[in-house]
Amino acid sequence: EASGCGAWSLANIVHALSRLGLRGDGWPELWEVLEMVIARELKVRPYDWNMQNIATVAHALARAERRPPAVFELVARAASLRLGECSPRDMASIAWAFARSGHPA
């Protein structure tokens, strides 16, 4: 488990994995643990996540062809708490991730 990882660390880990091309079913155990930790952190500490971290996670998961409904629901919830801080780039990344993942916004 990735205990002790904050929002910034988790966002960067999933971003790096997606950039490395670990997509879909590649390394499913790793993705499942990361998704579980991200979901827990988004649920328990939504205010620890800034919009850039939220957008990075959503974009990286969609790029990696990972579509965990619970994580995308929590991303939407966390983003709604920080709409006033949302840059056009973050909004575009989140919108693209939801469109790519097929998750309703």
PDB file of N, CA and C in Angstrom:
ATOM      1  N   GLU A   1       0.843  -1.185   0.000  1.00  0.00           N
ATOM      2  CA  GLU A   1       0.000   0.000   0.000  1.00  0.00           C
ATOM      3  C   GLU A   1       0.883   1.241   0.000  1.00  0.00           C
ATOM      4  N   ALA A   2       0.396   2.283  -0.607  1.00  0.00           N
ATOM      5  CA  ALA A   2       1.156   3.521  -0.741  1.00  0.00           C
ATOM      6  C   ALA A   2       0.859   4.465   0.417  1.00  0.00           C
ATOM      7  N   SER A   3       0.962   3.964   1.638  1.00  0.00           N
ATOM      8  CA  SER A   3       0.693   4.804   2.812  1.00  0.00           C
ATOM      9  C   SER A   3       1.658   5.971   2.846  1.00  0.00           C
ATOM     10  N   GLY A   4       1.153   7.110   3.302  1.00  0.00           N
ATOM     11  CA  GLY A   4       1.998   8.272   3.418  1.00  0.00           C
ATOM     12  C   GLY A   4       2.119   9.090   2.148  1.00  0.00           C
ATOM     13  N   CYS A   5       1.570   8.608   1.059  1.00  0.00           N
ATOM     14  CA  CYS A   5       1.594   9.370  -0.186  1.00  0.00           C
ATOM     15  C   CYS A   5       0.495  10.417  -0.144  1.00  0.00           C
ATOM     16  N   GLY A   6       0.873  11.642  -0.435  1.00  0.00           N
ATOM     17  CA  GLY A   6      -0.107  12.706  -0.505  1.00  0.00           C
ATOM     18  C   GLY A   6      -0.632  12.855  -1.921  1.00  0.00           C
ATOM     19  N   ALA A   7      -1.475  13.842  -2.099  1.00  0.00           N
ATOM     20  CA  ALA A   7      -2.104  14.083  -3.396  1.00  0.00           C
ATOM     21  C   ALA A   7      -1.063  14.313  -4.491  1.00  0.00           C
ATOM     22  N   TRP A   8      -0.077  15.149  -4.211  1.00  0.00           N
ATOM     23  CA  TRP A   8       0.945  15.462  -5.203  1.00  0.00           C
ATOM     24  C   TRP A   8       1.696  14.204  -5.625  1.00  0.00           C
ATOM     25  N   SER A   9       2.094  13.384  -4.648  1.00  0.00           N
ATOM     26  CA  SER A   9       2.836  12.157  -4.946  1.00  0.00           C
ATOM     27  C   SER A   9       1.994  11.179  -5.757  1.00  0.00           C
ATOM     28  N   LEU A  10       0.752  10.974  -5.348  1.00  0.00           N
ATOM     29  CA  LEU A  10      -0.118  10.054  -6.071  1.00  0.00           C
ATOM     30  C   LEU A  10      -0.355  10.525  -7.500  1.00  0.00           C
ATOM     31  N   ALA A  11      -0.592  11.831  -7.666  1.00  0.00           N
ATOM     32  CA  ALA A  11      -0.809  12.373  -9.004  1.00  0.00           C
ATOM     33  C   ALA A  11       0.417  12.142  -9.882  1.00  0.00           C
ATOM     34  N   ASN A  12       1.595  12.355  -9.334  1.00  0.00           N
ATOM     35  CA  ASN A  12       2.812  12.174 -10.111  1.00  0.00           C
ATOM     36  C   ASN A  12       3.106  10.713 -10.419  1.00  0.00           C
ATOM     37  N   ILE A  13       2.780   9.823  -9.506  1.00  0.00           N
ATOM     38  CA  ILE A  13       2.982   8.386  -9.751  1.00  0.00           C
ATOM     39  C   ILE A  13       2.101   7.921 -10.908  1.00  0.00           C
ATOM     40  N   VAL A  14       0.805   8.231 -10.867  1.00  0.00           N
ATOM     41  CA  VAL A  14      -0.072   7.753 -11.940  1.00  0.00           C
ATOM     42  C   VAL A  14       0.260   8.443 -13.268  1.00  0.00           C
ATOM     43  N   HIS A  15       0.679   9.704 -13.191  1.00  0.00           N
ATOM     44  CA  HIS A  15       1.097  10.403 -14.414  1.00  0.00           C
ATOM     45  C   HIS A  15       2.309   9.696 -15.025  1.00  0.00           C
ATOM     46  N   ALA A  16       3.294   9.376 -14.216  1.00  0.00           N
ATOM     47  CA  ALA A  16       4.494   8.705 -14.717  1.00  0.00           C
ATOM     48  C   ALA A  16       4.163   7.341 -15.308  1.00  0.00           C
ATOM     49  N   LEU A  17       3.324   6.582 -14.634  1.00  0.00           N
ATOM     50  CA  LEU A  17       2.959   5.259 -15.149  1.00  0.00           C
ATOM     51  C   LEU A  17       2.231   5.357 -16.488  1.00  0.00           C
ATOM     52  N   SER A  18       1.350   6.335 -16.610  1.00  0.00           N
ATOM     53  CA  SER A  18       0.636   6.490 -17.887  1.00  0.00           C
ATOM     54  C   SER A  18       1.597   6.926 -18.986  1.00  0.00           C
ATOM     55  N   ARG A  19       2.571   7.781 -18.652  1.00  0.00           N
ATOM     56  CA  ARG A  19       3.563   8.222 -19.646  1.00  0.00           C
ATOM     57  C   ARG A  19       4.491   7.079 -20.048  1.00  0.00           C
ATOM     58  N   LEU A  20       4.718   6.136 -19.129  1.00  0.00           N
ATOM     59  CA  LEU A  20       5.549   4.975 -19.441  1.00  0.00           C
ATOM     60  C   LEU A  20       4.820   3.951 -20.301  1.00  0.00           C
ATOM     61  N   GLY A  21       3.534   4.166 -20.494  1.00  0.00           N
ATOM     62  CA  GLY A  21       2.762   3.271 -21.346  1.00  0.00           C
ATOM     63  C   GLY A  21       2.159   2.080 -20.634  1.00  0.00           C
ATOM     64  N   LEU A  22       2.098   2.113 -19.312  1.00  0.00           N
ATOM     65  CA  LEU A  22       1.450   1.030 -18.573  1.00  0.00           C
ATOM     66  C   LEU A  22      -0.046   1.265 -18.634  1.00  0.00           C
ATOM     67  N   ARG A  23      -0.670   0.654 -19.623  1.00  0.00           N
ATOM     68  CA  ARG A  23      -2.076   0.919 -19.891  1.00  0.00           C
ATOM     69  C   ARG A  23      -2.948  -0.305 -19.633  1.00  0.00           C
ATOM     70  N   GLY A  24      -4.235  -0.014 -19.495  1.00  0.00           N
ATOM     71  CA  GLY A  24      -5.240  -1.064 -19.421  1.00  0.00           C
ATOM     72  C   GLY A  24      -4.930  -2.121 -18.390  1.00  0.00           C
ATOM     73  N   ASP A  25      -4.733  -3.330 -18.868  1.00  0.00           N
ATOM     74  CA  ASP A  25      -4.528  -4.454 -17.969  1.00  0.00           C
ATOM     75  C   ASP A  25      -3.067  -4.712 -17.636  1.00  0.00           C
ATOM     76  N   GLY A  26      -2.152  -3.862 -18.123  1.00  0.00           N
ATOM     77  CA  GLY A  26      -0.750  -4.014 -17.765  1.00  0.00           C
ATOM     78  C   GLY A  26      -0.549  -3.705 -16.292  1.00  0.00           C
ATOM     79  N   TRP A  27      -0.008  -4.608 -15.566  1.00  0.00           N
ATOM     80  CA  TRP A  27       0.257  -4.469 -14.145  1.00  0.00           C
ATOM     81  C   TRP A  27      -1.023  -4.158 -13.370  1.00  0.00           C
ATOM     82  N   PRO A  28      -2.066  -4.974 -13.498  1.00  0.00           N
ATOM     83  CA  PRO A  28      -3.350  -4.657 -12.873  1.00  0.00           C
ATOM     84  C   PRO A  28      -3.285  -4.526 -11.351  1.00  0.00           C
ATOM     85  N   GLU A  29      -2.436  -5.313 -10.692  1.00  0.00           N
ATOM     86  CA  GLU A  29      -2.360  -5.223  -9.235  1.00  0.00           C
ATOM     87  C   GLU A  29      -1.843  -3.854  -8.801  1.00  0.00           C
ATOM     88  N   LEU A  30      -0.850  -3.343  -9.514  1.00  0.00           N
ATOM     89  CA  LEU A  30      -0.310  -2.022  -9.199  1.00  0.00           C
ATOM     90  C   LEU A  30      -1.381  -0.949  -9.375  1.00  0.00           C
ATOM     91  N   TRP A  31      -2.088  -0.987 -10.518  1.00  0.00           N
ATOM     92  CA  TRP A  31      -3.137   0.003 -10.773  1.00  0.00           C
ATOM     93  C   TRP A  31      -4.249  -0.090  -9.744  1.00  0.00           C
ATOM     94  N   GLU A  32      -4.646  -1.314  -9.373  1.00  0.00           N
ATOM     95  CA  GLU A  32      -5.732  -1.480  -8.405  1.00  0.00           C
ATOM     96  C   GLU A  32      -5.363  -0.901  -7.042  1.00  0.00           C
ATOM     97  N   VAL A  33      -4.124  -1.112  -6.608  1.00  0.00           N
ATOM     98  CA  VAL A  33      -3.687  -0.551  -5.327  1.00  0.00           C
ATOM     99  C   VAL A  33      -3.666   0.967  -5.411  1.00  0.00           C
ATOM    100  N   LEU A  34      -3.107   1.512  -6.484  1.00  0.00           N
ATOM    101  CA  LEU A  34      -3.067   2.965  -6.638  1.00  0.00           C
ATOM    102  C   LEU A  34      -4.476   3.552  -6.669  1.00  0.00           C
ATOM    103  N   GLU A  35      -5.374   2.928  -7.401  1.00  0.00           N
ATOM    104  CA  GLU A  35      -6.755   3.416  -7.477  1.00  0.00           C
ATOM    105  C   GLU A  35      -7.428   3.367  -6.109  1.00  0.00           C
ATOM    106  N   MET A  36      -7.148   2.310  -5.347  1.00  0.00           N
ATOM    107  CA  MET A  36      -7.723   2.196  -4.009  1.00  0.00           C
ATOM    108  C   MET A  36      -7.201   3.321  -3.105  1.00  0.00           C
ATOM    109  N   VAL A  37      -5.898   3.576  -3.158  1.00  0.00           N
ATOM    110  CA  VAL A  37      -5.301   4.620  -2.318  1.00  0.00           C
ATOM    111  C   VAL A  37      -5.795   5.997  -2.756  1.00  0.00           C
ATOM    112  N   ILE A  38      -5.861   6.228  -4.067  1.00  0.00           N
ATOM    113  CA  ILE A  38      -6.362   7.516  -4.566  1.00  0.00           C
ATOM    114  C   ILE A  38      -7.803   7.731  -4.119  1.00  0.00           C
ATOM    115  N   ALA A  39      -8.626   6.702  -4.251  1.00  0.00           N
ATOM    116  CA  ALA A  39     -10.032   6.822  -3.829  1.00  0.00           C
ATOM    117  C   ALA A  39     -10.119   7.142  -2.344  1.00  0.00           C
ATOM    118  N   ARG A  40      -9.327   6.448  -1.555  1.00  0.00           N
ATOM    119  CA  ARG A  40      -9.348   6.697  -0.105  1.00  0.00           C
ATOM    120  C   ARG A  40      -8.935   8.134   0.206  1.00  0.00           C
ATOM    121  N   GLU A  41      -7.851   8.582  -0.426  1.00  0.00           N
ATOM    122  CA  GLU A  41      -7.359   9.940  -0.158  1.00  0.00           C
ATOM    123  C   GLU A  41      -8.349  11.003  -0.627  1.00  0.00           C
ATOM    124  N   LEU A  42      -8.962  10.785  -1.785  1.00  0.00           N
ATOM    125  CA  LEU A  42      -9.967  11.743  -2.279  1.00  0.00           C
ATOM    126  C   LEU A  42     -11.191  11.779  -1.374  1.00  0.00           C
ATOM    127  N   LYS A  43     -11.530  10.638  -0.804  1.00  0.00           N
ATOM    128  CA  LYS A  43     -12.712  10.569   0.068  1.00  0.00           C
ATOM    129  C   LYS A  43     -12.426  11.166   1.441  1.00  0.00           C
ATOM    130  N   VAL A  44     -11.281  10.834   2.010  1.00  0.00           N
ATOM    131  CA  VAL A  44     -10.958  11.242   3.373  1.00  0.00           C
ATOM    132  C   VAL A  44     -10.379  12.655   3.436  1.00  0.00           C
ATOM    133  N   ARG A  45      -9.586  13.027   2.429  1.00  0.00           N
ATOM    134  CA  ARG A  45      -8.909  14.324   2.447  1.00  0.00           C
ATOM    135  C   ARG A  45      -9.133  15.117   1.159  1.00  0.00           C
ATOM    136  N   PRO A  46     -10.380  15.380   0.776  1.00  0.00           N
ATOM    137  CA  PRO A  46     -10.608  16.064  -0.500  1.00  0.00           C
ATOM    138  C   PRO A  46     -10.003  17.460  -0.561  1.00  0.00           C
ATOM    139  N   TYR A  47      -9.864  18.109   0.582  1.00  0.00           N
ATOM    140  CA  TYR A  47      -9.313  19.472   0.579  1.00  0.00           C
ATOM    141  C   TYR A  47      -7.785  19.498   0.469  1.00  0.00           C
ATOM    142  N   ASP A  48      -7.146  18.333   0.570  1.00  0.00           N
ATOM    143  CA  ASP A  48      -5.697  18.250   0.373  1.00  0.00           C
ATOM    144  C   ASP A  48      -5.330  18.233  -1.116  1.00  0.00           C
ATOM    145  N   TRP A  49      -6.335  18.062  -1.956  1.00  0.00           N
ATOM    146  CA  TRP A  49      -6.108  17.959  -3.395  1.00  0.00           C
ATOM    147  C   TRP A  49      -6.352  19.317  -4.051  1.00  0.00           C
ATOM    148  N   ASN A  50      -5.335  19.845  -4.736  1.00  0.00           N
ATOM    149  CA  ASN A  50      -5.575  21.054  -5.520  1.00  0.00           C
ATOM    150  C   ASN A  50      -6.053  20.635  -6.920  1.00  0.00           C
ATOM    151  N   MET A  51      -6.494  21.608  -7.689  1.00  0.00           N
ATOM    152  CA  MET A  51      -7.068  21.285  -9.003  1.00  0.00           C
ATOM    153  C   MET A  51      -6.057  20.645  -9.941  1.00  0.00           C
ATOM    154  N   GLN A  52      -4.806  21.039  -9.849  1.00  0.00           N
ATOM    155  CA  GLN A  52      -3.801  20.439 -10.728  1.00  0.00           C
ATOM    156  C   GLN A  52      -3.632  18.957 -10.412  1.00  0.00           C
ATOM    157  N   ASN A  53      -3.609  18.590  -9.132  1.00  0.00           N
ATOM    158  CA  ASN A  53      -3.481  17.180  -8.756  1.00  0.00           C
ATOM    159  C   ASN A  53      -4.711  16.383  -9.188  1.00  0.00           C
ATOM    160  N   ILE A  54      -5.879  16.963  -9.011  1.00  0.00           N
ATOM    161  CA  ILE A  54      -7.122  16.299  -9.421  1.00  0.00           C
ATOM    162  C   ILE A  54      -7.115  16.069 -10.932  1.00  0.00           C
ATOM    163  N   ALA A  55      -6.769  17.097 -11.682  1.00  0.00           N
ATOM    164  CA  ALA A  55      -6.732  16.996 -13.144  1.00  0.00           C
ATOM    165  C   ALA A  55      -5.681  15.993 -13.601  1.00  0.00           C
ATOM    166  N   THR A  56      -4.538  15.989 -12.957  1.00  0.00           N
ATOM    167  CA  THR A  56      -3.460  15.065 -13.332  1.00  0.00           C
ATOM    168  C   THR A  56      -3.888  13.625 -13.135  1.00  0.00           C
ATOM    169  N   VAL A  57      -4.522  13.335 -12.004  1.00  0.00           N
ATOM    170  CA  VAL A  57      -4.987  11.970 -11.742  1.00  0.00           C
ATOM    171  C   VAL A  57      -6.030  11.549 -12.771  1.00  0.00           C
ATOM    172  N   ALA A  58      -7.021  12.394 -13.005  1.00  0.00           N
ATOM    173  CA  ALA A  58      -8.078  12.049 -13.963  1.00  0.00           C
ATOM    174  C   ALA A  58      -7.491  11.819 -15.351  1.00  0.00           C
ATOM    175  N   HIS A  59      -6.639  12.723 -15.789  1.00  0.00           N
ATOM    176  CA  HIS A  59      -6.028  12.628 -17.118  1.00  0.00           C
ATOM    177  C   HIS A  59      -5.163  11.377 -17.237  1.00  0.00           C
ATOM    178  N   ALA A  60      -4.342  11.117 -16.221  1.00  0.00           N
ATOM    179  CA  ALA A  60      -3.447   9.957 -16.263  1.00  0.00           C
ATOM    180  C   ALA A  60      -4.227   8.644 -16.277  1.00  0.00           C
ATOM    181  N   LEU A  61      -5.277   8.544 -15.471  1.00  0.00           N
ATOM    182  CA  LEU A  61      -6.078   7.313 -15.469  1.00  0.00           C
ATOM    183  C   LEU A  61      -6.743   7.093 -16.822  1.00  0.00           C
ATOM    184  N   ALA A  62      -7.300   8.149 -17.387  1.00  0.00           N
ATOM    185  CA  ALA A  62      -7.946   8.006 -18.696  1.00  0.00           C
ATOM    186  C   ALA A  62      -6.922   7.647 -19.773  1.00  0.00           C
ATOM    187  N   ARG A  63      -5.766   8.273 -19.712  1.00  0.00           N
ATOM    188  CA  ARG A  63      -4.713   7.994 -20.697  1.00  0.00           C
ATOM    189  C   ARG A  63      -4.237   6.549 -20.582  1.00  0.00           C
ATOM    190  N   ALA A  64      -4.219   6.033 -19.365  1.00  0.00           N
ATOM    191  CA  ALA A  64      -3.795   4.657 -19.125  1.00  0.00           C
ATOM    192  C   ALA A  64      -4.920   3.652 -19.362  1.00  0.00           C
ATOM    193  N   GLU A  65      -6.058   4.142 -19.821  1.00  0.00           N
ATOM    194  CA  GLU A  65      -7.225   3.304 -20.096  1.00  0.00           C
ATOM    195  C   GLU A  65      -7.729   2.600 -18.839  1.00  0.00           C
ATOM    196  N   ARG A  66      -7.613   3.295 -17.730  1.00  0.00           N
ATOM    197  CA  ARG A  66      -8.164   2.834 -16.463  1.00  0.00           C
ATOM    198  C   ARG A  66      -9.421   3.647 -16.211  1.00  0.00           C
ATOM    199  N   ARG A  67     -10.495   2.981 -15.868  1.00  0.00           N
ATOM    200  CA  ARG A  67     -11.791   3.659 -15.717  1.00  0.00           C
ATOM    201  C   ARG A  67     -12.480   3.290 -14.408  1.00  0.00           C
ATOM    202  N   PRO A  68     -11.821   3.472 -13.285  1.00  0.00           N
ATOM    203  CA  PRO A  68     -12.466   3.103 -12.013  1.00  0.00           C
ATOM    204  C   PRO A  68     -13.594   4.076 -11.671  1.00  0.00           C
ATOM    205  N   PRO A  69     -14.847   3.620 -11.719  1.00  0.00           N
ATOM    206  CA  PRO A  69     -15.974   4.519 -11.468  1.00  0.00           C
ATOM    207  C   PRO A  69     -15.891   5.245 -10.130  1.00  0.00           C
ATOM    208  N   ALA A  70     -15.477   4.543  -9.084  1.00  0.00           N
ATOM    209  CA  ALA A  70     -15.408   5.181  -7.758  1.00  0.00           C
ATOM    210  C   ALA A  70     -14.417   6.336  -7.762  1.00  0.00           C
ATOM    211  N   VAL A  71     -13.286   6.174  -8.426  1.00  0.00           N
ATOM    212  CA  VAL A  71     -12.286   7.244  -8.468  1.00  0.00           C
ATOM    213  C   VAL A  71     -12.821   8.425  -9.264  1.00  0.00           C
ATOM    214  N   PHE A  72     -13.458   8.163 -10.404  1.00  0.00           N
ATOM    215  CA  PHE A  72     -13.978   9.263 -11.205  1.00  0.00           C
ATOM    216  C   PHE A  72     -15.103  10.010 -10.479  1.00  0.00           C
ATOM    217  N   GLU A  73     -15.912   9.293  -9.714  1.00  0.00           N
ATOM    218  CA  GLU A  73     -16.942   9.969  -8.916  1.00  0.00           C
ATOM    219  C   GLU A  73     -16.312  10.863  -7.857  1.00  0.00           C
ATOM    220  N   LEU A  74     -15.248  10.382  -7.216  1.00  0.00           N
ATOM    221  CA  LEU A  74     -14.566  11.174  -6.205  1.00  0.00           C
ATOM    222  C   LEU A  74     -13.789  12.337  -6.819  1.00  0.00           C
ATOM    223  N   VAL A  75     -13.266  12.146  -8.026  1.00  0.00           N
ATOM    224  CA  VAL A  75     -12.620  13.254  -8.746  1.00  0.00           C
ATOM    225  C   VAL A  75     -13.637  14.360  -8.995  1.00  0.00           C
ATOM    226  N   ALA A  76     -14.824  13.981  -9.447  1.00  0.00           N
ATOM    227  CA  ALA A  76     -15.869  14.977  -9.709  1.00  0.00           C
ATOM    228  C   ALA A  76     -16.239  15.716  -8.426  1.00  0.00           C
ATOM    229  N   ARG A  77     -16.357  14.983  -7.349  1.00  0.00           N
ATOM    230  CA  ARG A  77     -16.702  15.603  -6.064  1.00  0.00           C
ATOM    231  C   ARG A  77     -15.599  16.559  -5.592  1.00  0.00           C
ATOM    232  N   ALA A  78     -14.353  16.106  -5.652  1.00  0.00           N
ATOM    233  CA  ALA A  78     -13.235  16.948  -5.217  1.00  0.00           C
ATOM    234  C   ALA A  78     -13.102  18.181  -6.105  1.00  0.00           C
ATOM    235  N   ALA A  79     -13.291  18.002  -7.404  1.00  0.00           N
ATOM    236  CA  ALA A  79     -13.200  19.148  -8.326  1.00  0.00           C
ATOM    237  C   ALA A  79     -14.306  20.155  -8.041  1.00  0.00           C
ATOM    238  N   SER A  80     -15.480  19.668  -7.695  1.00  0.00           N
ATOM    239  CA  SER A  80     -16.591  20.590  -7.419  1.00  0.00           C
ATOM    240  C   SER A  80     -16.317  21.447  -6.186  1.00  0.00           C
ATOM    241  N   LEU A  81     -15.498  20.945  -5.276  1.00  0.00           N
ATOM    242  CA  LEU A  81     -15.140  21.706  -4.076  1.00  0.00           C
ATOM    243  C   LEU A  81     -14.161  22.836  -4.386  1.00  0.00           C
ATOM    244  N   ARG A  82     -13.505  22.747  -5.552  1.00  0.00           N
ATOM    245  CA  ARG A  82     -12.446  23.695  -5.891  1.00  0.00           C
ATOM    246  C   ARG A  82     -12.665  24.395  -7.229  1.00  0.00           C
ATOM    247  N   LEU A  83     -13.899  24.495  -7.657  1.00  0.00           N
ATOM    248  CA  LEU A  83     -14.176  25.097  -8.968  1.00  0.00           C
ATOM    249  C   LEU A  83     -13.610  26.500  -9.110  1.00  0.00           C
ATOM    250  N   GLY A  84     -13.596  27.264  -8.034  1.00  0.00           N
ATOM    251  CA  GLY A  84     -13.068  28.620  -8.089  1.00  0.00           C
ATOM    252  C   GLY A  84     -11.580  28.682  -8.376  1.00  0.00           C
ATOM    253  N   GLU A  85     -10.884  27.576  -8.170  1.00  0.00           N
ATOM    254  CA  GLU A  85      -9.434  27.514  -8.393  1.00  0.00           C
ATOM    255  C   GLU A  85      -9.081  26.880  -9.733  1.00  0.00           C
ATOM    256  N   CYS A  86     -10.067  26.514 -10.500  1.00  0.00           N
ATOM    257  CA  CYS A  86      -9.846  25.721 -11.702  1.00  0.00           C
ATOM    258  C   CYS A  86      -9.348  26.592 -12.858  1.00  0.00           C
ATOM    259  N   SER A  87      -8.183  26.246 -13.365  1.00  0.00           N
ATOM    260  CA  SER A  87      -7.660  26.936 -14.542  1.00  0.00           C
ATOM    261  C   SER A  87      -8.302  26.325 -15.787  1.00  0.00           C
ATOM    262  N   PRO A  88      -8.267  27.025 -16.901  1.00  0.00           N
ATOM    263  CA  PRO A  88      -8.787  26.442 -18.141  1.00  0.00           C
ATOM    264  C   PRO A  88      -8.092  25.129 -18.493  1.00  0.00           C
ATOM    265  N   ARG A  89      -6.796  25.044 -18.243  1.00  0.00           N
ATOM    266  CA  ARG A  89      -6.053  23.817 -18.545  1.00  0.00           C
ATOM    267  C   ARG A  89      -6.542  22.653 -17.687  1.00  0.00           C
ATOM    268  N   ASP A  90      -6.726  22.889 -16.380  1.00  0.00           N
ATOM    269  CA  ASP A  90      -7.218  21.830 -15.497  1.00  0.00           C
ATOM    270  C   ASP A  90      -8.623  21.390 -15.905  1.00  0.00           C
ATOM    271  N   MET A  91      -9.481  22.359 -16.222  1.00  0.00           N
ATOM    272  CA  MET A  91     -10.840  22.032 -16.646  1.00  0.00           C
ATOM    273  C   MET A  91     -10.820  21.200 -17.930  1.00  0.00           C
ATOM    274  N   ALA A  92      -9.960  21.565 -18.861  1.00  0.00           N
ATOM    275  CA  ALA A  92      -9.853  20.809 -20.116  1.00  0.00           C
ATOM    276  C   ALA A  92      -9.358  19.391 -19.854  1.00  0.00           C
ATOM    277  N   SER A  93      -8.382  19.242 -18.972  1.00  0.00           N
ATOM    278  CA  SER A  93      -7.859  17.908 -18.651  1.00  0.00           C
ATOM    279  C   SER A  93      -8.927  17.025 -18.014  1.00  0.00           C
ATOM    280  N   ILE A  94      -9.675  17.607 -17.098  1.00  0.00           N
ATOM    281  CA  ILE A  94     -10.734  16.846 -16.427  1.00  0.00           C
ATOM    282  C   ILE A  94     -11.834  16.482 -17.418  1.00  0.00           C
ATOM    283  N   ALA A  95     -12.243  17.439 -18.238  1.00  0.00           N
ATOM    284  CA  ALA A  95     -13.295  17.167 -19.229  1.00  0.00           C
ATOM    285  C   ALA A  95     -12.838  16.081 -20.206  1.00  0.00           C
ATOM    286  N   TRP A  96     -11.599  16.169 -20.666  1.00  0.00           N
ATOM    287  CA  TRP A  96     -11.073  15.159 -21.593  1.00  0.00           C
ATOM    288  C   TRP A  96     -11.059  13.792 -20.929  1.00  0.00           C
ATOM    289  N   ALA A  97     -10.632  13.735 -19.657  1.00  0.00           N
ATOM    290  CA  ALA A  97     -10.561  12.458 -18.945  1.00  0.00           C
ATOM    291  C   ALA A  97     -11.928  11.816 -18.806  1.00  0.00           C
ATOM    292  N   PHE A  98     -12.934  12.632 -18.482  1.00  0.00           N
ATOM    293  CA  PHE A  98     -14.285  12.083 -18.358  1.00  0.00           C
ATOM    294  C   PHE A  98     -14.814  11.619 -19.715  1.00  0.00           C
ATOM    295  N   ALA A  99     -14.545  12.381 -20.753  1.00  0.00           N
ATOM    296  CA  ALA A  99     -14.993  11.986 -22.092  1.00  0.00           C
ATOM    297  C   ALA A  99     -14.298  10.709 -22.535  1.00  0.00           C
ATOM    298  N   ARG A 100     -13.002  10.628 -22.327  1.00  0.00           N
ATOM    299  CA  ARG A 100     -12.223   9.462 -22.743  1.00  0.00           C
ATOM    300  C   ARG A 100     -12.601   8.214 -21.956  1.00  0.00           C
ATOM    301  N   SER A 101     -12.890   8.386 -20.679  1.00  0.00           N
ATOM    302  CA  SER A 101     -13.206   7.238 -19.834  1.00  0.00           C
ATOM    303  C   SER A 101     -14.645   6.755 -20.017  1.00  0.00           C
ATOM    304  N   GLY A 102     -15.477   7.615 -20.604  1.00  0.00           N
ATOM    305  CA  GLY A 102     -16.874   7.253 -20.763  1.00  0.00           C
ATOM    306  C   GLY A 102     -17.680   7.433 -19.492  1.00  0.00           C
ATOM    307  N   HIS A 103     -17.083   8.060 -18.504  1.00  0.00           N
ATOM    308  CA  HIS A 103     -17.789   8.278 -17.243  1.00  0.00           C
ATOM    309  C   HIS A 103     -18.659   9.528 -17.383  1.00  0.00           C
ATOM    310  N   PRO A 104     -19.908   9.479 -16.942  1.00  0.00           N
ATOM    311  CA  PRO A 104     -20.748  10.672 -17.034  1.00  0.00           C
ATOM    312  C   PRO A 104     -20.219  11.775 -16.114  1.00  0.00           C
ATOM    313  N   ALA A 105     -20.222  12.965 -16.614  1.00  0.00           N
ATOM    314  CA  ALA A 105     -19.698  14.090 -15.831  1.00  0.00           C
ATOM    315  C   ALA A 105     -20.714  14.578 -14.824  1.00  0.00           C
TER     316      ALA A 105
END
